[in-house]
Structure formats: structure tokens, C-alpha cells
Amino acid sequence: MDDKQGWWVAAGAFLTITITSGIGFFVLPIMIESFIGDMGWSLTEVSLGVTIWGLAAALFSPFLGQWIDRFGARRIMLLGTVFSFFVILLLGQVTALWQFYVLMFFAPFGSMANTYIPAAAVVARWFVRHRGVATGVVMFGIGVGGAIVPLVTSSLIQNYGWRQSYTILSFLLLLALIPILLWVRNPVDNDLSLVGQNDSTDSEQVNLKDLSLSAALKTRTFWGLSIGDALTGTIFAIFNIHLVYYLTQDLGSDEIATHAYSVLQICIGLGTLAFGLSADFFRLRSVMIVCYLLPAFATILLMPTSVVFLAFAFAIVAGFAGGGRNALFPVALYNSFGETHMASIYGLSNSFFMLGTAIGPFLAGVLYDATGNTRLIYACAIAGLAISALLISFMRNELNER
């Protein structure tokens, strides 16, 4: 429902994932130097933890989507936040690599349940005319969290050490419970979410056209979107986890690298708004192709490995495009398959994305440890991103094909 209540839901979801995604997704990249220096782990060993996280998330996502469709986003987000609190608290207590791996396995059970899948699912039910803008507003929280939390984490580490930082961050995470309890909920009647339809009869007709998960699996759109998005997820996972480390090696300054990383996350946030707005005014398929192709051109800017200006230029361009992906992908799923089984379809599609998240950082870590060459990693990223854009071009509105 594109009214005041719907925008309050969007605001609540925005505040929630600003906190939950910021702490759940963007703390580890800042902790890598501490793990390597204090615990004596290699980059490959830390990256294996990310692989375990991604594999667990891939296994969990399909079930998560079905639970959201069945029990509602609000309950799932509440449970996920409480679960994440304990995982993050315990991360500050690890003394052995196997303990880190165990916690990395359980971490996505919380951080997937309180971030973008339930947030996108609940907001999509409230909007039709302004779905792109509303989704962009919500996903803007990922960029805001990604911009603020790394700087906060870096400051906490300098003042309190990495262990105490995890403890402080775990309690800050509980602040997300406030907007979830106050504002996040589904419309009382499902048909009320379809604003722009003339009456409930029209809504029922639309719902009858919605594709089930099994029907979506038979379409080229599902596979083009899912595999294309997984490739982009692979590359962005590498940058999310390793970019600070890579730029530190390339530029010789961890401070500059951290600031470039923060610029990337700020632009991801801005990109969600810009591309989310564009989805309401331009052809979605065209906007998606541009969005998925831009990071390939941006990564070319990293090839001269000692130029500070180009590192920040990469962060701006890739950030805007990455933010666009956050806003556009759930809209593409909703527009292509309908709302009834949206969370289930998103959950399964997200499994492919998380497999990319699992594989990318580990392989990149192995490659860097073996060669010490960031350019080779950047070249592979450019190729993967170009193929991703090609696959995204396969999308179409499957509802119109029925």
C-alpha cells in the first residue's frame, strides 16, 4: 500500500538492515588484519571461514524464504537478530581456528534472517507504483551500514582491541529490535498490497497469475537472473572481504584502503536510491543490464595498482552499480514472478548468490597467497562481471507469458 503506513514499514526496514547488515556483513573485512596479526592465521585460512559462511547461507536461504512466506518477515527478523547477538558475542572469544569456523557456519542463520531477504519481501507487499523507490530506500540501509560500521569498527579496534570490539558490536546489534517491533509487518490483507489495482477482484486475478517456485524454476528468467547475480555476488564478495587488504598492498596505506572501502559502501547506498528510482521510470531490463555491466568497467580502473585516485574512482562507480543491484534484483523477481511466492523464489535464487559468496573470497585468497598479484584477481573479476551482465539480459516478465 503506497501510503503513510507503507512508508513507515519501509523506514523501519531501512533502520533495521542499516544495523544488521552493517554488523553482520561489514565487520569481518576490518577484522582480517587483526586475525592475521594476532591469531597468526593466513588470508586463505580466514577466507575459508567466509566460504563456510557462504555455504551455510546457501543451504539456509531456501528454507528462510519459505519460512518468511509462512510466518511473516517480522518474526523471522526478530529471531535472526537475537541469534546474531550470541554469534557476534562469541566471535570475540575465539582462541582457535576451528572455533572461528564453527561460528562462521552458524552466523548466516542470523544475518540472513534479519537483512535483505525478509526486508525486501515485506516491503514489496506494500508497494506497486513506487516499488522500485521503496526497495531502494530499504536497501540503502546496506550502504549506510557498510559505510558507518567499518569506520566504527576500526575505531573500536584501535581503542579496545578486536575482542572487546565484537562484544560492543553485539550489544549495538540489539538496537535493531526497536524498528522491527515498531514498524515492520505485512499488510493485514494480502490484496491491500497491490495498490494501483482497482479493487480486490483485480488483486485476486493478479495473484492467480503469480508463479510458484516450481514454475519459476522452468523459466529462463530465473536461471539468467540467479546465475548472473551469483557471478556478480562472487566478485563483490571478493571485494567486500579482501578489498581493504588488496588496496593496502597496492597503495601502501591501510588508512587510505579503509576510506576507499567506506566510499564504496556509501556509493552502494546512494546507488540503491538512484537505480531504485530509475526502475520506476525506465525499462527494468535495460537498467539491470547497465547496472550489472558497470562494475566490469570500474574494475579496469584498479589495474594501475598504485594510483590512489583510480582506487576511489573504482569505489564510486562500482559502489553505485552494486547498490543498484541491491535495489533492482528483488524488484526483478517480484515483477517477473509475482508476490505470492516471492520470498521462496528469492530464497532459492539467493542460494546461488551465496554459493558465489562462499567460493569467491576463498579462491581469491588462495590465488593471492600463491601469486601475490592483485592484477590477476582484478582481470578475473572483469571477465566474470561481463558474463554476469550477459546472463541478466535473458530476463523477461514471466507473468505476461502465462
Protein backbone atom coordinates (compact mmCIF):
# COMPACT_ATOMS: atom_id res chain seq x y z
CA MET A 1 0.00 0.00 0.00
CA ASP A 2 1.69 3.19 -1.21
CA ASP A 3 0.51 5.27 1.74
CA LYS A 4 1.88 6.58 5.02
CA GLN A 5 1.83 3.17 6.70
CA GLY A 6 3.76 1.58 3.86
CA TRP A 7 6.49 4.21 4.10
CA TRP A 8 6.73 3.65 7.86
CA VAL A 9 7.31 -0.04 7.13
CA ALA A 10 10.00 0.91 4.62
CA ALA A 11 11.62 3.24 7.16
CA GLY A 12 11.59 0.51 9.79
CA ALA A 13 13.15 -1.98 7.39
CA PHE A 14 15.78 0.61 6.40
CA LEU A 15 16.79 1.23 10.02
CA THR A 16 16.85 -2.48 10.72
CA ILE A 17 19.15 -3.51 7.91
CA THR A 18 21.38 -0.48 8.45
CA ILE A 19 22.25 -2.05 11.79
CA THR A 20 22.01 -5.74 10.96
CA SER A 21 23.78 -5.71 7.60
CA GLY A 22 26.39 -3.26 8.83
CA ILE A 23 27.38 -5.54 11.69
CA GLY A 24 26.57 -8.84 10.01
CA PHE A 25 28.33 -8.21 6.69
CA PHE A 26 30.96 -5.49 7.09
CA VAL A 27 32.79 -6.10 10.34
CA LEU A 28 34.85 -9.10 9.21
CA PRO A 29 36.79 -7.24 6.47
CA ILE A 30 38.07 -4.83 9.11
CA MET A 31 38.93 -7.72 11.44
CA ILE A 32 41.10 -9.58 8.90
CA GLU A 33 44.30 -7.71 9.77
CA SER A 34 43.70 -8.43 13.48
CA PHE A 35 43.12 -12.13 12.83
CA ILE A 36 46.26 -12.39 10.70
CA GLY A 37 48.39 -10.35 13.11
CA ASP A 38 47.05 -11.53 16.49
CA MET A 39 45.99 -15.10 15.77
CA GLY A 40 48.66 -15.88 13.17
CA TRP A 41 46.13 -17.07 10.58
CA SER A 42 46.77 -16.67 6.85
CA LEU A 43 44.48 -14.85 4.45
CA THR A 44 43.48 -18.22 2.97
CA GLU A 45 42.50 -19.55 6.40
CA VAL A 46 40.36 -16.51 7.13
CA SER A 47 38.85 -16.72 3.65
CA LEU A 48 37.87 -20.33 4.31
CA GLY A 49 35.72 -19.01 7.15
CA VAL A 50 33.92 -16.81 4.63
CA THR A 51 33.46 -19.86 2.40
CA ILE A 52 31.89 -21.77 5.27
CA TRP A 53 29.63 -18.76 5.92
CA GLY A 54 28.56 -18.64 2.28
CA LEU A 55 27.88 -22.38 2.03
CA ALA A 56 25.79 -22.31 5.19
CA ALA A 57 23.87 -19.30 3.85
CA ALA A 58 23.27 -21.10 0.55
CA LEU A 59 21.84 -24.10 2.39
CA PHE A 60 19.72 -21.93 4.65
CA SER A 61 18.28 -19.43 2.14
CA PRO A 62 15.61 -21.67 0.53
CA PHE A 63 14.22 -22.61 3.94
CA LEU A 64 14.36 -18.97 5.03
CA GLY A 65 12.27 -17.87 2.05
CA GLN A 66 9.62 -20.48 2.78
CA TRP A 67 9.51 -19.53 6.47
CA ILE A 68 9.06 -15.85 5.56
CA ASP A 69 6.12 -16.73 3.29
CA ARG A 70 4.62 -18.87 6.06
CA PHE A 71 5.35 -16.99 9.31
CA GLY A 72 5.97 -13.41 8.15
CA ALA A 73 9.11 -11.31 7.94
CA ARG A 74 8.74 -9.72 11.37
CA ARG A 75 9.04 -12.92 13.39
CA ILE A 76 11.93 -14.15 11.31
CA MET A 77 13.81 -10.85 11.68
CA LEU A 78 13.33 -10.85 15.45
CA LEU A 79 14.65 -14.39 15.82
CA GLY A 80 17.53 -13.68 13.46
CA THR A 81 18.64 -10.62 15.41
CA VAL A 82 18.67 -12.43 18.75
CA PHE A 83 20.58 -15.35 17.22
CA SER A 84 23.13 -12.99 15.64
CA PHE A 85 23.70 -11.32 19.01
CA PHE A 86 25.06 -14.54 20.50
CA VAL A 87 27.18 -15.40 17.45
CA ILE A 88 28.86 -11.97 17.37
CA LEU A 89 29.40 -12.03 21.13
CA LEU A 90 31.13 -15.41 20.86
CA LEU A 91 33.33 -14.30 17.95
CA GLY A 92 35.16 -12.06 20.36
CA GLN A 93 36.03 -15.09 22.47
CA VAL A 94 37.58 -17.40 19.85
CA THR A 95 41.00 -18.84 20.64
CA ALA A 96 41.34 -21.40 17.85
CA LEU A 97 40.69 -21.51 14.12
CA TRP A 98 38.12 -24.31 14.41
CA GLN A 99 36.04 -22.15 16.77
CA PHE A 100 36.05 -19.37 14.18
CA TYR A 101 34.86 -21.83 11.53
CA VAL A 102 32.03 -23.14 13.73
CA LEU A 103 30.75 -19.62 14.36
CA MET A 104 31.07 -18.76 10.67
CA PHE A 105 28.81 -21.73 9.92
CA PHE A 106 26.11 -20.53 12.29
CA ALA A 107 26.45 -16.78 11.58
CA PRO A 108 24.25 -16.69 8.43
CA PHE A 109 21.35 -18.30 10.26
CA GLY A 110 21.03 -14.95 11.98
CA SER A 111 22.38 -12.45 9.48
CA MET A 112 20.37 -13.79 6.54
CA ALA A 113 17.20 -13.81 8.62
CA ASN A 114 17.41 -10.15 9.65
CA THR A 115 18.64 -8.43 6.48
CA TYR A 116 17.70 -8.10 2.83
CA ILE A 117 15.52 -11.14 2.03
CA PRO A 118 12.82 -10.53 4.68
CA ALA A 119 13.15 -6.75 4.28
CA ALA A 120 12.61 -6.92 0.51
CA ALA A 121 9.77 -9.41 0.88
CA VAL A 122 7.80 -7.33 3.37
CA VAL A 123 8.26 -4.01 1.57
CA ALA A 124 7.32 -5.49 -1.82
CA ARG A 125 3.90 -6.38 -0.38
CA TRP A 126 3.20 -2.74 0.48
CA PHE A 127 4.06 -1.10 -2.85
CA VAL A 128 3.22 -1.29 -6.54
CA ARG A 129 3.59 2.17 -8.12
CA HIS A 130 6.67 3.04 -6.08
CA ARG A 131 8.09 -0.42 -5.56
CA GLY A 132 11.48 0.47 -7.04
CA VAL A 133 11.87 3.59 -4.92
CA ALA A 134 10.68 1.86 -1.75
CA THR A 135 13.03 -1.08 -2.28
CA GLY A 136 15.86 1.36 -2.97
CA VAL A 137 15.14 3.21 0.28
CA VAL A 138 15.23 -0.04 2.24
CA MET A 139 18.37 -1.38 0.57
CA PHE A 140 20.02 1.99 1.12
CA GLY A 141 20.46 0.69 4.65
CA ILE A 142 23.05 -1.81 3.42
CA GLY A 143 25.15 1.02 2.05
CA VAL A 144 24.71 3.18 5.14
CA GLY A 145 25.62 0.30 7.41
CA GLY A 146 28.54 -0.60 5.18
CA ALA A 147 29.83 2.98 5.28
CA ILE A 148 29.46 3.60 9.01
CA VAL A 149 30.16 0.25 10.67
CA PRO A 150 33.67 -0.30 9.19
CA LEU A 151 34.76 3.13 10.47
CA VAL A 152 33.20 2.45 13.87
CA THR A 153 34.81 -0.99 13.98
CA SER A 154 38.22 0.38 13.05
CA SER A 155 37.96 2.96 15.83
CA LEU A 156 36.82 0.34 18.34
CA ILE A 157 39.75 -1.92 17.48
CA GLN A 158 42.23 0.91 17.95
CA ASN A 159 40.78 1.82 21.34
CA TYR A 160 39.64 -1.52 22.79
CA GLY A 161 41.12 -4.31 20.68
CA TRP A 162 39.25 -6.68 18.35
CA ARG A 163 37.86 -8.94 21.08
CA GLN A 164 36.17 -6.19 23.06
CA SER A 165 35.01 -4.64 19.79
CA TYR A 166 32.99 -7.76 19.00
CA THR A 167 31.36 -7.55 22.44
CA ILE A 168 30.38 -3.90 21.94
CA LEU A 169 29.06 -4.59 18.44
CA SER A 170 26.92 -7.49 19.65
CA PHE A 171 25.02 -5.20 22.01
CA LEU A 172 24.72 -2.47 19.38
CA LEU A 173 23.05 -5.08 17.16
CA LEU A 174 20.17 -5.38 19.63
CA LEU A 175 19.11 -1.83 18.71
CA ALA A 176 17.65 -3.36 15.55
CA LEU A 177 14.90 -4.93 17.64
CA ILE A 178 13.32 -1.48 18.09
CA PRO A 179 12.34 -0.73 14.47
CA ILE A 180 11.38 -4.37 13.87
CA LEU A 181 8.92 -4.30 16.76
CA LEU A 182 7.57 -0.84 15.99
CA TRP A 183 7.13 -0.82 12.21
CA VAL A 184 7.99 -3.99 10.29
CA ARG A 185 4.89 -6.03 9.40
CA ASN A 186 2.91 -7.35 6.43
CA PRO A 187 -0.35 -5.72 5.30
CA VAL A 188 -3.32 -7.10 7.22
CA ASP A 189 -4.98 -8.28 4.00
CA ASN A 190 -2.76 -9.56 1.20
CA ASP A 191 -4.77 -7.81 -1.51
CA LEU A 192 -4.13 -4.43 0.10
CA SER A 193 -0.52 -4.65 -1.00
CA LEU A 194 -1.49 -4.26 -4.64
CA VAL A 195 -2.01 -0.53 -4.78
CA GLY A 196 -2.72 0.60 -8.29
CA GLN A 197 -5.25 -2.18 -8.81
CA ASN A 198 -8.84 -1.04 -8.94
CA ASP A 199 -10.28 -3.43 -6.37
CA SER A 200 -9.77 -6.72 -4.59
CA THR A 201 -11.06 -8.67 -7.59
CA ASP A 202 -8.21 -7.30 -9.68
CA SER A 203 -5.79 -8.29 -6.94
CA GLU A 204 -7.10 -11.82 -6.91
CA GLN A 205 -6.64 -12.05 -10.67
CA VAL A 206 -3.06 -10.89 -10.33
CA ASN A 207 -2.37 -13.39 -7.56
CA LEU A 208 -3.74 -16.22 -9.71
CA LYS A 209 -1.09 -15.39 -12.32
CA ASP A 210 1.76 -15.46 -9.78
CA LEU A 211 4.29 -18.22 -10.45
CA SER A 212 5.01 -20.89 -7.88
CA LEU A 213 8.59 -21.81 -7.06
CA SER A 214 8.40 -24.92 -9.25
CA ALA A 215 7.01 -22.88 -12.16
CA ALA A 216 9.72 -20.24 -11.77
CA LEU A 217 12.39 -22.95 -11.99
CA LYS A 218 11.20 -23.75 -15.51
CA THR A 219 11.84 -20.24 -16.83
CA ARG A 220 14.94 -18.76 -18.44
CA THR A 221 14.42 -15.63 -16.34
CA PHE A 222 15.01 -17.46 -13.06
CA TRP A 223 18.22 -19.06 -14.27
CA GLY A 224 19.53 -15.99 -16.05
CA LEU A 225 18.90 -13.80 -13.04
CA SER A 226 20.15 -16.34 -10.50
CA ILE A 227 23.37 -17.37 -12.24
CA GLY A 228 24.13 -13.84 -13.42
CA ASP A 229 23.56 -12.49 -9.93
CA ALA A 230 25.70 -15.28 -8.48
CA LEU A 231 28.64 -14.25 -10.65
CA THR A 232 28.28 -10.64 -9.55
CA GLY A 233 27.94 -11.86 -5.96
CA THR A 234 31.18 -13.79 -6.33
CA ILE A 235 33.09 -10.69 -7.40
CA PHE A 236 31.52 -8.35 -4.86
CA ALA A 237 32.16 -10.88 -2.10
CA ILE A 238 35.84 -10.81 -3.02
CA PHE A 239 35.85 -7.02 -2.85
CA ASN A 240 33.79 -6.89 0.35
CA ILE A 241 36.16 -9.24 2.15
CA HIS A 242 39.54 -8.53 0.54
CA LEU A 243 39.40 -5.01 -0.89
CA VAL A 244 40.88 -3.34 2.18
CA TYR A 245 43.69 -5.89 2.21
CA TYR A 246 44.30 -5.62 -1.57
CA LEU A 247 44.33 -1.83 -1.58
CA THR A 248 46.62 -1.80 1.44
CA GLN A 249 49.11 -3.85 -0.57
CA ASP A 250 48.57 -1.80 -3.75
CA LEU A 251 48.64 1.66 -2.17
CA GLY A 252 50.79 1.03 0.89
CA SER A 253 48.28 2.52 3.36
CA ASP A 254 45.61 0.74 5.36
CA GLU A 255 44.05 4.11 6.21
CA ILE A 256 43.54 5.02 2.53
CA ALA A 257 42.31 1.49 1.84
CA THR A 258 39.74 1.71 4.64
CA HIS A 259 38.50 5.08 3.42
CA ALA A 260 38.18 3.78 -0.15
CA TYR A 261 36.21 0.84 1.21
CA SER A 262 33.90 3.22 3.07
CA VAL A 263 33.40 5.27 -0.11
CA LEU A 264 32.43 2.03 -1.87
CA GLN A 265 29.81 1.32 0.77
CA ILE A 266 28.49 4.91 0.76
CA CYS A 267 28.08 4.74 -3.01
CA ILE A 268 26.37 1.36 -2.71
CA GLY A 269 23.83 3.12 -0.53
CA LEU A 270 23.41 6.01 -2.96
CA GLY A 271 23.17 3.57 -5.85
CA THR A 272 20.21 1.81 -4.27
CA LEU A 273 18.29 5.10 -4.30
CA ALA A 274 19.35 6.16 -7.81
CA PHE A 275 18.74 2.82 -9.50
CA GLY A 276 15.65 2.13 -7.40
CA LEU A 277 14.15 5.39 -8.66
CA SER A 278 15.13 4.59 -12.24
CA ALA A 279 13.26 1.28 -12.06
CA ASP A 280 10.00 3.20 -11.72
CA PHE A 281 10.63 5.28 -14.85
CA PHE A 282 12.71 3.20 -17.29
CA ARG A 283 12.57 -0.30 -18.72
CA LEU A 284 13.75 -2.59 -15.93
CA ARG A 285 15.69 -5.00 -18.16
CA SER A 286 17.77 -2.17 -19.66
CA VAL A 287 18.52 -0.66 -16.27
CA MET A 288 19.53 -4.08 -14.96
CA ILE A 289 21.99 -4.68 -17.81
CA VAL A 290 23.65 -1.30 -17.26
CA CYS A 291 23.78 -1.92 -13.53
CA TYR A 292 25.48 -5.32 -13.86
CA LEU A 293 27.90 -4.21 -16.58
CA LEU A 294 29.23 -1.03 -14.90
CA PRO A 295 31.35 -2.86 -12.26
CA ALA A 296 33.36 -4.52 -15.05
CA PHE A 297 34.39 -1.11 -16.38
CA ALA A 298 35.03 0.11 -12.84
CA THR A 299 37.36 -2.79 -12.05
CA ILE A 300 39.53 -1.86 -15.04
CA LEU A 301 40.43 1.27 -13.05
CA LEU A 302 42.17 -0.91 -10.43
CA MET A 303 44.67 -2.35 -12.91
CA PRO A 304 47.19 0.50 -12.35
CA THR A 305 47.74 -0.70 -8.78
CA SER A 306 49.40 2.34 -7.19
CA VAL A 307 47.07 5.18 -8.20
CA VAL A 308 45.01 6.43 -5.26
CA PHE A 309 42.61 8.47 -7.39
CA LEU A 310 41.67 5.44 -9.51
CA ALA A 311 41.01 3.36 -6.41
CA PHE A 312 38.44 5.92 -5.26
CA ALA A 313 37.01 6.19 -8.80
CA PHE A 314 36.51 2.41 -8.74
CA ALA A 315 34.79 2.68 -5.36
CA ILE A 316 32.36 5.30 -6.67
CA VAL A 317 31.38 3.57 -9.92
CA ALA A 318 31.31 0.02 -8.58
CA GLY A 319 29.53 1.21 -5.46
CA PHE A 320 26.71 2.88 -7.38
CA ALA A 321 26.26 -0.22 -9.55
CA GLY A 322 26.43 -2.59 -6.59
CA GLY A 323 23.80 -0.56 -4.82
CA GLY A 324 21.67 -0.70 -7.92
CA ARG A 325 21.85 -4.48 -7.83
CA ASN A 326 20.57 -4.47 -4.24
CA ALA A 327 17.53 -2.42 -5.24
CA LEU A 328 16.76 -3.90 -8.64
CA PHE A 329 17.17 -7.63 -8.11
CA PRO A 330 14.20 -8.14 -5.73
CA VAL A 331 12.09 -5.87 -7.95
CA ALA A 332 13.01 -8.02 -10.97
CA LEU A 333 11.96 -11.17 -9.12
CA TYR A 334 8.70 -9.60 -7.96
CA ASN A 335 7.82 -8.20 -11.39
CA SER A 336 8.75 -11.42 -13.17
CA PHE A 337 7.09 -13.95 -10.85
CA GLY A 338 4.58 -12.09 -8.66
CA GLU A 339 4.24 -11.64 -4.91
CA THR A 340 2.65 -14.85 -3.64
CA HIS A 341 5.82 -16.95 -3.56
CA MET A 342 8.31 -14.10 -3.81
CA ALA A 343 10.24 -14.92 -0.62
CA SER A 344 10.53 -18.62 -1.55
CA ILE A 345 11.80 -17.76 -5.04
CA TYR A 346 14.16 -15.12 -3.65
CA GLY A 347 15.43 -17.56 -1.04
CA LEU A 348 16.34 -20.20 -3.61
CA SER A 349 17.85 -17.67 -6.00
CA ASN A 350 19.87 -16.29 -3.12
CA SER A 351 21.40 -19.74 -2.62
CA PHE A 352 23.26 -19.30 -5.90
CA PHE A 353 24.34 -15.82 -4.82
CA MET A 354 25.63 -17.21 -1.53
CA LEU A 355 27.50 -20.02 -3.28
CA GLY A 356 29.33 -17.28 -5.15
CA THR A 357 29.95 -15.52 -1.86
CA ALA A 358 31.34 -18.76 -0.46
CA ILE A 359 33.62 -19.62 -3.36
CA GLY A 360 34.90 -16.19 -4.41
CA PRO A 361 36.85 -14.96 -1.39
CA PHE A 362 38.43 -18.37 -0.76
CA LEU A 363 39.63 -18.82 -4.34
CA ALA A 364 40.84 -15.23 -4.43
CA GLY A 365 42.67 -15.77 -1.16
CA VAL A 366 44.37 -18.90 -2.49
CA LEU A 367 45.26 -17.10 -5.72
CA TYR A 368 46.73 -14.12 -3.91
CA ASP A 369 48.68 -16.24 -1.43
CA ALA A 370 50.13 -18.19 -4.37
CA THR A 371 50.99 -15.23 -6.63
CA GLY A 372 50.89 -12.04 -4.54
CA ASN A 373 49.34 -10.46 -7.63
CA THR A 374 46.18 -8.37 -7.33
CA ARG A 375 46.02 -7.64 -11.07
CA LEU A 376 45.27 -11.27 -11.88
CA ILE A 377 42.34 -11.17 -9.48
CA TYR A 378 41.08 -7.92 -11.00
CA ALA A 379 41.28 -9.42 -14.52
CA CYS A 380 39.22 -12.45 -13.48
CA ALA A 381 36.69 -10.10 -11.88
CA ILE A 382 36.29 -8.11 -15.10
CA ALA A 383 35.56 -11.27 -17.11
CA GLY A 384 33.08 -12.59 -14.54
CA LEU A 385 31.19 -9.31 -14.36
CA ALA A 386 30.87 -9.10 -18.15
CA ILE A 387 29.40 -12.62 -18.32
CA SER A 388 27.04 -11.70 -15.48
CA ALA A 389 25.58 -8.79 -17.46
CA LEU A 390 25.04 -11.10 -20.46
CA LEU A 391 23.08 -13.58 -18.34
CA ILE A 392 20.97 -10.83 -16.79
CA SER A 393 19.89 -9.84 -20.30
CA PHE A 394 17.93 -13.12 -20.52
CA MET A 395 15.27 -11.80 -18.12
CA ARG A 396 11.66 -11.16 -19.15
CA ASN A 397 8.31 -10.67 -17.43
CA GLU A 398 7.16 -14.25 -16.98
CA LEU A 399 3.73 -13.15 -15.74
CA ASN A 400 2.99 -11.80 -19.21
CA GLU A 401 4.00 -15.12 -20.75
CA ARG A 402 1.30 -17.08 -18.90
